[in-house]
């Protein structure tokens, strides 16, 4: 059984219960079982700090994933995937900029971060980018989270 926690350090006041569908559908689509991870909502200052400290990039970003798995040869009864940090202010800004709902943007960012925890990395090559972004589109389309 998969499990996750959403930790709202930001104080996001909107309903985000739909994220359970996004997360569970992602796990089902990829046949992932017995996995655990956290989603943490934070502000831009915290995201800027994380991005600078761990990536050496001196600005905020929308989502960061910190994967705990780096060796797929280790067999454990539960996979501890890691953490996905989402900047709620950046998410809101992008929803406006891309002219779609906060639901669509937050769903995309959580799905994107989860796929990174599962080993997808769009920064490696054009093929990896197409694979990850195609899967994200497919997952959100399956759930009718379009705009």
N, C-alpha and C. Protein backbone atom coordinates (compact mmCIF):
# COMPACT_ATOMS: atom_id res chain seq x y z
N UNK A 1 0.83 -1.18 0.00
CA UNK A 1 0.00 0.00 0.00
C UNK A 1 0.88 1.25 0.00
N UNK A 2 0.55 2.18 -0.86
CA UNK A 2 1.28 3.45 -0.92
C UNK A 2 0.73 4.41 0.12
N UNK A 3 1.60 5.32 0.55
CA UNK A 3 1.20 6.29 1.54
C UNK A 3 1.94 7.59 1.29
N UNK A 4 1.35 8.68 1.69
CA UNK A 4 1.98 9.99 1.55
C UNK A 4 1.38 10.92 2.59
N UNK A 5 2.10 11.96 2.89
CA UNK A 5 1.60 13.02 3.75
C UNK A 5 1.74 14.34 3.01
N UNK A 6 0.76 15.21 3.19
CA UNK A 6 0.85 16.58 2.69
C UNK A 6 0.99 17.47 3.91
N UNK A 7 2.11 18.15 3.97
CA UNK A 7 2.43 19.02 5.10
C UNK A 7 2.33 20.46 4.62
N UNK A 8 1.38 21.20 5.16
CA UNK A 8 1.11 22.56 4.70
C UNK A 8 1.78 23.57 5.63
N UNK A 9 3.05 23.83 5.37
CA UNK A 9 3.79 24.83 6.14
C UNK A 9 3.43 26.25 5.70
N UNK A 10 2.83 26.38 4.54
CA UNK A 10 2.50 27.69 3.99
C UNK A 10 1.20 28.25 4.57
N UNK A 11 0.21 27.37 4.77
CA UNK A 11 -1.12 27.82 5.17
C UNK A 11 -2.02 28.03 3.96
N UNK A 12 -1.94 27.13 3.01
CA UNK A 12 -2.75 27.20 1.79
C UNK A 12 -4.21 26.94 2.16
N UNK A 13 -5.07 27.88 1.89
CA UNK A 13 -6.45 27.83 2.37
C UNK A 13 -7.43 27.18 1.39
N UNK A 14 -6.97 26.79 0.23
CA UNK A 14 -7.86 26.17 -0.76
C UNK A 14 -7.92 24.66 -0.55
N UNK A 15 -8.97 24.07 -1.07
CA UNK A 15 -9.13 22.61 -1.01
C UNK A 15 -8.14 21.96 -1.96
N UNK A 16 -7.33 21.05 -1.46
CA UNK A 16 -6.39 20.33 -2.32
C UNK A 16 -6.57 18.82 -2.17
N UNK A 17 -7.76 18.41 -1.77
CA UNK A 17 -8.04 16.97 -1.59
C UNK A 17 -7.91 16.20 -2.90
N UNK A 18 -8.07 16.86 -4.05
CA UNK A 18 -7.93 16.23 -5.36
C UNK A 18 -6.52 15.68 -5.59
N UNK A 19 -5.55 16.16 -4.81
CA UNK A 19 -4.17 15.65 -4.99
C UNK A 19 -4.08 14.16 -4.71
N UNK A 20 -4.97 13.64 -3.88
CA UNK A 20 -4.94 12.19 -3.62
C UNK A 20 -5.20 11.42 -4.91
N UNK A 21 -6.12 11.92 -5.76
CA UNK A 21 -6.36 11.27 -7.05
C UNK A 21 -5.13 11.34 -7.94
N UNK A 22 -4.47 12.49 -7.96
CA UNK A 22 -3.27 12.67 -8.79
C UNK A 22 -2.18 11.70 -8.33
N UNK A 23 -1.94 11.67 -7.05
CA UNK A 23 -0.89 10.82 -6.50
C UNK A 23 -1.22 9.34 -6.71
N UNK A 24 -2.43 8.93 -6.36
CA UNK A 24 -2.81 7.52 -6.50
C UNK A 24 -2.82 7.08 -7.96
N UNK A 25 -3.27 7.94 -8.85
CA UNK A 25 -3.29 7.58 -10.27
C UNK A 25 -1.86 7.44 -10.81
N UNK A 26 -0.98 8.32 -10.36
CA UNK A 26 0.42 8.22 -10.77
C UNK A 26 1.01 6.89 -10.32
N UNK A 27 0.78 6.52 -9.07
CA UNK A 27 1.27 5.24 -8.57
C UNK A 27 0.67 4.08 -9.36
N UNK A 28 -0.63 4.11 -9.61
CA UNK A 28 -1.30 3.02 -10.36
C UNK A 28 -0.73 2.91 -11.77
N UNK A 29 -0.61 4.05 -12.44
CA UNK A 29 -0.14 4.05 -13.84
C UNK A 29 1.26 3.45 -13.96
N UNK A 30 2.08 3.65 -12.93
CA UNK A 30 3.46 3.16 -12.97
C UNK A 30 3.65 1.86 -12.18
N UNK A 31 2.54 1.28 -11.72
CA UNK A 31 2.59 0.03 -10.96
C UNK A 31 3.50 0.12 -9.74
N UNK A 32 3.39 1.22 -9.01
CA UNK A 32 4.20 1.44 -7.81
C UNK A 32 3.39 0.98 -6.60
N UNK A 33 4.00 0.14 -5.79
CA UNK A 33 3.35 -0.31 -4.55
C UNK A 33 4.32 -0.15 -3.38
N UNK A 34 3.76 -0.01 -2.22
CA UNK A 34 4.55 0.09 -0.98
C UNK A 34 5.56 1.22 -1.02
N UNK A 35 5.10 2.39 -1.40
CA UNK A 35 5.97 3.56 -1.45
C UNK A 35 5.41 4.65 -0.53
N UNK A 36 6.31 5.48 -0.05
CA UNK A 36 5.94 6.58 0.84
C UNK A 36 6.73 7.83 0.46
N UNK A 37 6.05 8.99 0.53
CA UNK A 37 6.74 10.26 0.33
C UNK A 37 5.93 11.38 0.97
N UNK A 38 6.53 12.57 1.06
CA UNK A 38 5.87 13.75 1.59
C UNK A 38 5.79 14.82 0.52
N UNK A 39 4.70 15.58 0.56
CA UNK A 39 4.56 16.82 -0.20
C UNK A 39 4.52 17.92 0.85
N UNK A 40 5.36 18.94 0.66
CA UNK A 40 5.43 20.03 1.64
C UNK A 40 5.18 21.34 0.92
N UNK A 41 4.14 22.06 1.36
CA UNK A 41 3.83 23.38 0.82
C UNK A 41 4.63 24.42 1.59
N UNK A 42 5.36 25.26 0.87
CA UNK A 42 6.21 26.27 1.51
C UNK A 42 6.05 27.62 0.79
N UNK A 43 6.71 28.64 1.33
CA UNK A 43 6.70 29.97 0.70
C UNK A 43 7.94 30.14 -0.17
N UNK A 44 7.99 31.27 -0.87
CA UNK A 44 9.11 31.53 -1.79
C UNK A 44 10.44 31.68 -1.08
N UNK A 45 10.43 32.28 0.12
CA UNK A 45 11.69 32.45 0.85
C UNK A 45 12.32 31.10 1.19
N UNK A 46 11.52 30.18 1.67
CA UNK A 46 12.02 28.83 2.01
C UNK A 46 12.49 28.11 0.74
N UNK A 47 11.71 28.27 -0.36
CA UNK A 47 12.09 27.62 -1.61
C UNK A 47 13.40 28.20 -2.13
N UNK A 48 13.56 29.50 -2.05
CA UNK A 48 14.80 30.16 -2.47
C UNK A 48 15.98 29.59 -1.68
N UNK A 49 15.78 29.48 -0.37
CA UNK A 49 16.83 28.95 0.51
C UNK A 49 17.20 27.51 0.12
N UNK A 50 16.21 26.67 -0.10
CA UNK A 50 16.46 25.28 -0.49
C UNK A 50 17.18 25.21 -1.84
N UNK A 51 16.71 26.01 -2.79
CA UNK A 51 17.31 26.00 -4.13
C UNK A 51 18.76 26.46 -4.09
N UNK A 52 19.04 27.48 -3.29
CA UNK A 52 20.41 27.98 -3.17
C UNK A 52 21.31 26.99 -2.44
N UNK A 53 20.81 26.44 -1.34
CA UNK A 53 21.60 25.52 -0.53
C UNK A 53 21.91 24.22 -1.25
N UNK A 54 20.91 23.62 -1.89
CA UNK A 54 21.08 22.28 -2.43
C UNK A 54 21.35 22.22 -3.93
N UNK A 55 21.06 23.31 -4.65
CA UNK A 55 21.30 23.30 -6.09
C UNK A 55 22.24 24.40 -6.54
N UNK A 56 22.59 25.31 -5.60
CA UNK A 56 23.47 26.41 -5.94
C UNK A 56 22.83 27.44 -6.86
N UNK A 57 21.51 27.49 -6.89
CA UNK A 57 20.78 28.43 -7.74
C UNK A 57 20.13 29.47 -6.83
N UNK A 58 20.53 30.72 -7.01
CA UNK A 58 20.16 31.80 -6.09
C UNK A 58 18.84 32.48 -6.51
N UNK A 59 17.78 31.70 -6.54
CA UNK A 59 16.43 32.21 -6.81
C UNK A 59 15.42 31.15 -6.40
N UNK A 60 14.17 31.57 -6.33
CA UNK A 60 13.12 30.62 -6.00
C UNK A 60 12.79 29.77 -7.22
N UNK A 61 12.01 28.75 -7.01
CA UNK A 61 11.51 27.90 -8.09
C UNK A 61 10.15 27.38 -7.66
N UNK A 62 9.50 26.62 -8.53
CA UNK A 62 8.15 26.16 -8.21
C UNK A 62 8.12 24.86 -7.42
N UNK A 63 8.97 23.92 -7.79
CA UNK A 63 8.95 22.60 -7.14
C UNK A 63 10.37 22.05 -7.07
N UNK A 64 10.68 21.43 -5.94
CA UNK A 64 11.95 20.72 -5.77
C UNK A 64 11.65 19.34 -5.20
N UNK A 65 12.34 18.35 -5.73
CA UNK A 65 12.21 16.99 -5.23
C UNK A 65 13.53 16.54 -4.65
N UNK A 66 13.46 15.94 -3.49
CA UNK A 66 14.65 15.39 -2.85
C UNK A 66 14.43 13.89 -2.69
N UNK A 67 15.02 13.13 -3.60
CA UNK A 67 14.83 11.69 -3.63
C UNK A 67 15.75 11.00 -2.62
N UNK A 68 15.20 10.04 -1.93
CA UNK A 68 16.00 9.24 -1.00
C UNK A 68 16.58 8.00 -1.68
N UNK A 69 15.92 7.54 -2.72
CA UNK A 69 16.41 6.35 -3.41
C UNK A 69 17.49 6.74 -4.40
N UNK A 70 18.63 6.12 -4.26
CA UNK A 70 19.68 6.32 -5.27
C UNK A 70 20.30 5.00 -5.68
N UNK A 71 19.80 3.92 -5.12
CA UNK A 71 20.34 2.60 -5.44
C UNK A 71 19.16 1.64 -5.54
N UNK A 72 18.76 1.32 -6.76
CA UNK A 72 17.60 0.44 -6.93
C UNK A 72 17.93 -1.04 -6.75
N UNK A 73 19.11 -1.34 -6.27
CA UNK A 73 19.46 -2.73 -6.00
C UNK A 73 19.07 -3.15 -4.58
N UNK A 74 18.75 -2.17 -3.74
CA UNK A 74 18.37 -2.46 -2.36
C UNK A 74 16.88 -2.78 -2.31
N UNK A 75 16.53 -3.91 -1.77
CA UNK A 75 15.14 -4.33 -1.66
C UNK A 75 14.66 -4.11 -0.24
N UNK A 76 13.66 -3.25 -0.08
CA UNK A 76 13.06 -2.98 1.22
C UNK A 76 11.56 -3.21 1.12
N UNK A 77 10.91 -3.49 2.26
CA UNK A 77 9.47 -3.73 2.21
C UNK A 77 8.66 -2.48 1.83
N UNK A 78 9.20 -1.30 2.10
CA UNK A 78 8.55 -0.06 1.69
C UNK A 78 9.60 0.86 1.09
N UNK A 79 9.23 1.49 0.00
CA UNK A 79 10.14 2.44 -0.67
C UNK A 79 9.91 3.82 -0.07
N UNK A 80 10.92 4.37 0.55
CA UNK A 80 10.85 5.74 1.04
C UNK A 80 11.40 6.63 -0.07
N UNK A 81 10.48 7.29 -0.77
CA UNK A 81 10.86 8.02 -1.98
C UNK A 81 11.54 9.34 -1.70
N UNK A 82 11.08 10.08 -0.70
CA UNK A 82 11.68 11.38 -0.40
C UNK A 82 10.62 12.44 -0.21
N UNK A 83 10.97 13.69 -0.57
CA UNK A 83 10.11 14.84 -0.34
C UNK A 83 9.95 15.66 -1.61
N UNK A 84 8.75 16.20 -1.78
CA UNK A 84 8.46 17.15 -2.85
C UNK A 84 8.04 18.45 -2.19
N UNK A 85 8.82 19.51 -2.43
CA UNK A 85 8.50 20.84 -1.90
C UNK A 85 7.84 21.65 -3.01
N UNK A 86 6.72 22.28 -2.69
CA UNK A 86 6.00 23.12 -3.65
C UNK A 86 5.89 24.53 -3.08
N UNK A 87 6.34 25.51 -3.85
CA UNK A 87 6.16 26.91 -3.47
C UNK A 87 4.74 27.32 -3.86
N UNK A 88 3.91 27.58 -2.87
CA UNK A 88 2.53 27.97 -3.14
C UNK A 88 2.47 29.33 -3.84
N UNK A 89 3.24 30.34 -3.42
CA UNK A 89 3.19 31.60 -4.18
C UNK A 89 3.60 31.44 -5.64
N UNK A 90 4.63 30.65 -5.90
CA UNK A 90 5.08 30.42 -7.28
C UNK A 90 4.00 29.66 -8.06
N UNK A 91 3.36 28.69 -7.42
CA UNK A 91 2.28 27.95 -8.06
C UNK A 91 1.15 28.89 -8.45
N UNK A 92 0.77 29.78 -7.54
CA UNK A 92 -0.32 30.74 -7.82
C UNK A 92 0.07 31.66 -8.98
N UNK A 93 1.29 32.15 -8.96
CA UNK A 93 1.79 33.03 -10.02
C UNK A 93 1.76 32.33 -11.37
N UNK A 94 2.19 31.06 -11.41
CA UNK A 94 2.22 30.31 -12.67
C UNK A 94 0.82 29.99 -13.16
N UNK A 95 -0.11 29.72 -12.26
CA UNK A 95 -1.48 29.46 -12.67
C UNK A 95 -2.04 30.68 -13.42
N UNK A 96 -1.76 31.86 -12.90
CA UNK A 96 -2.20 33.09 -13.57
C UNK A 96 -1.46 33.26 -14.90
N UNK A 97 -0.16 33.09 -14.88
CA UNK A 97 0.67 33.27 -16.07
C UNK A 97 0.28 32.31 -17.19
N UNK A 98 0.01 31.04 -16.84
CA UNK A 98 -0.34 30.03 -17.84
C UNK A 98 -1.83 30.01 -18.14
N UNK A 99 -2.59 30.87 -17.44
CA UNK A 99 -4.03 31.00 -17.64
C UNK A 99 -4.78 29.69 -17.41
N UNK A 100 -4.45 29.05 -16.32
CA UNK A 100 -5.25 27.90 -15.90
C UNK A 100 -5.44 27.93 -14.39
N UNK A 101 -6.18 26.99 -13.87
CA UNK A 101 -6.57 26.99 -12.46
C UNK A 101 -5.41 26.61 -11.55
N UNK A 102 -5.54 27.00 -10.29
CA UNK A 102 -4.57 26.56 -9.28
C UNK A 102 -4.62 25.04 -9.15
N UNK A 103 -5.80 24.45 -9.31
CA UNK A 103 -5.92 22.99 -9.25
C UNK A 103 -5.03 22.35 -10.32
N UNK A 104 -5.07 22.87 -11.53
CA UNK A 104 -4.26 22.32 -12.62
C UNK A 104 -2.77 22.49 -12.33
N UNK A 105 -2.39 23.69 -11.86
CA UNK A 105 -0.96 23.96 -11.63
C UNK A 105 -0.43 23.13 -10.46
N UNK A 106 -1.19 23.08 -9.36
CA UNK A 106 -0.73 22.31 -8.20
C UNK A 106 -0.67 20.83 -8.53
N UNK A 107 -1.65 20.33 -9.27
CA UNK A 107 -1.64 18.92 -9.69
C UNK A 107 -0.41 18.62 -10.54
N UNK A 108 -0.11 19.52 -11.48
CA UNK A 108 1.05 19.34 -12.34
C UNK A 108 2.34 19.30 -11.51
N UNK A 109 2.49 20.26 -10.59
CA UNK A 109 3.72 20.33 -9.81
C UNK A 109 3.91 19.11 -8.92
N UNK A 110 2.84 18.64 -8.29
CA UNK A 110 2.95 17.45 -7.43
C UNK A 110 3.27 16.22 -8.27
N UNK A 111 2.59 16.07 -9.40
CA UNK A 111 2.88 14.95 -10.30
C UNK A 111 4.32 15.02 -10.80
N UNK A 112 4.75 16.21 -11.20
CA UNK A 112 6.11 16.42 -11.69
C UNK A 112 7.13 16.02 -10.62
N UNK A 113 6.92 16.50 -9.40
CA UNK A 113 7.84 16.19 -8.31
C UNK A 113 7.86 14.71 -7.98
N UNK A 114 6.68 14.09 -7.97
CA UNK A 114 6.61 12.65 -7.69
C UNK A 114 7.35 11.85 -8.76
N UNK A 115 7.19 12.23 -10.02
CA UNK A 115 7.91 11.53 -11.08
C UNK A 115 9.42 11.66 -10.92
N UNK A 116 9.88 12.82 -10.46
CA UNK A 116 11.31 12.95 -10.17
C UNK A 116 11.73 11.97 -9.08
N UNK A 117 10.93 11.84 -8.04
CA UNK A 117 11.26 10.88 -6.97
C UNK A 117 11.31 9.46 -7.49
N UNK A 118 10.54 9.19 -8.53
CA UNK A 118 10.49 7.84 -9.11
C UNK A 118 11.54 7.63 -10.20
N UNK A 119 12.43 8.61 -10.37
CA UNK A 119 13.55 8.42 -11.28
C UNK A 119 13.45 9.11 -12.62
N UNK A 120 12.37 9.78 -12.90
CA UNK A 120 12.25 10.52 -14.16
C UNK A 120 13.03 11.82 -14.03
N UNK A 121 13.74 12.19 -15.10
CA UNK A 121 14.54 13.42 -15.04
C UNK A 121 14.59 14.08 -16.41
N UNK A 122 13.73 15.06 -16.61
CA UNK A 122 13.62 15.76 -17.88
C UNK A 122 14.87 16.55 -18.23
N UNK A 123 15.79 16.74 -17.28
CA UNK A 123 17.00 17.52 -17.56
C UNK A 123 18.10 16.69 -18.22
N UNK A 124 17.96 15.38 -18.26
CA UNK A 124 19.01 14.52 -18.80
C UNK A 124 19.09 14.53 -20.32
N UNK A 125 17.94 14.54 -20.98
CA UNK A 125 17.93 14.49 -22.44
C UNK A 125 16.56 14.90 -22.96
N UNK A 126 16.51 15.16 -24.24
CA UNK A 126 15.23 15.50 -24.89
C UNK A 126 14.26 14.33 -24.77
N UNK A 127 14.77 13.11 -24.90
CA UNK A 127 13.93 11.92 -24.81
C UNK A 127 13.33 11.78 -23.41
N UNK A 128 14.16 12.02 -22.39
CA UNK A 128 13.67 11.95 -21.01
C UNK A 128 12.64 13.04 -20.74
N UNK A 129 12.88 14.23 -21.31
CA UNK A 129 11.93 15.33 -21.16
C UNK A 129 10.58 14.96 -21.77
N UNK A 130 10.61 14.43 -22.98
CA UNK A 130 9.37 14.03 -23.65
C UNK A 130 8.65 12.94 -22.87
N UNK A 131 9.42 12.00 -22.33
CA UNK A 131 8.84 10.91 -21.55
C UNK A 131 8.16 11.44 -20.29
N UNK A 132 8.85 12.26 -19.51
CA UNK A 132 8.30 12.77 -18.26
C UNK A 132 7.12 13.70 -18.50
N UNK A 133 7.27 14.65 -19.40
CA UNK A 133 6.18 15.60 -19.64
C UNK A 133 4.98 14.94 -20.31
N UNK A 134 5.24 13.94 -21.15
CA UNK A 134 4.14 13.19 -21.76
C UNK A 134 3.36 12.41 -20.72
N UNK A 135 4.06 11.80 -19.79
CA UNK A 135 3.40 11.06 -18.72
C UNK A 135 2.60 11.99 -17.81
N UNK A 136 3.15 13.16 -17.52
CA UNK A 136 2.42 14.14 -16.70
C UNK A 136 1.13 14.55 -17.39
N UNK A 137 1.20 14.86 -18.68
CA UNK A 137 0.00 15.24 -19.44
C UNK A 137 -1.02 14.12 -19.41
N UNK A 138 -0.56 12.90 -19.63
CA UNK A 138 -1.45 11.74 -19.66
C UNK A 138 -2.16 11.55 -18.32
N UNK A 139 -1.43 11.66 -17.24
CA UNK A 139 -2.00 11.48 -15.90
C UNK A 139 -3.07 12.55 -15.64
N UNK A 140 -2.75 13.81 -15.91
CA UNK A 140 -3.71 14.88 -15.68
C UNK A 140 -4.91 14.78 -16.61
N UNK A 141 -4.66 14.41 -17.86
CA UNK A 141 -5.79 14.21 -18.80
C UNK A 141 -6.68 13.07 -18.37
N UNK A 142 -6.09 11.97 -17.90
CA UNK A 142 -6.89 10.84 -17.40
C UNK A 142 -7.85 11.28 -16.30
N UNK A 143 -7.41 12.24 -15.49
CA UNK A 143 -8.22 12.73 -14.37
C UNK A 143 -9.04 13.96 -14.74
N UNK A 144 -9.00 14.32 -16.02
CA UNK A 144 -9.74 15.48 -16.53
C UNK A 144 -9.34 16.78 -15.83
N UNK A 145 -8.05 16.89 -15.49
CA UNK A 145 -7.51 18.13 -14.92
C UNK A 145 -6.78 18.82 -16.07
N UNK A 146 -7.55 19.61 -16.81
CA UNK A 146 -7.07 20.15 -18.07
C UNK A 146 -6.76 21.63 -17.99
N UNK A 147 -7.59 22.38 -17.31
CA UNK A 147 -7.35 23.83 -17.27
C UNK A 147 -7.55 24.40 -15.88
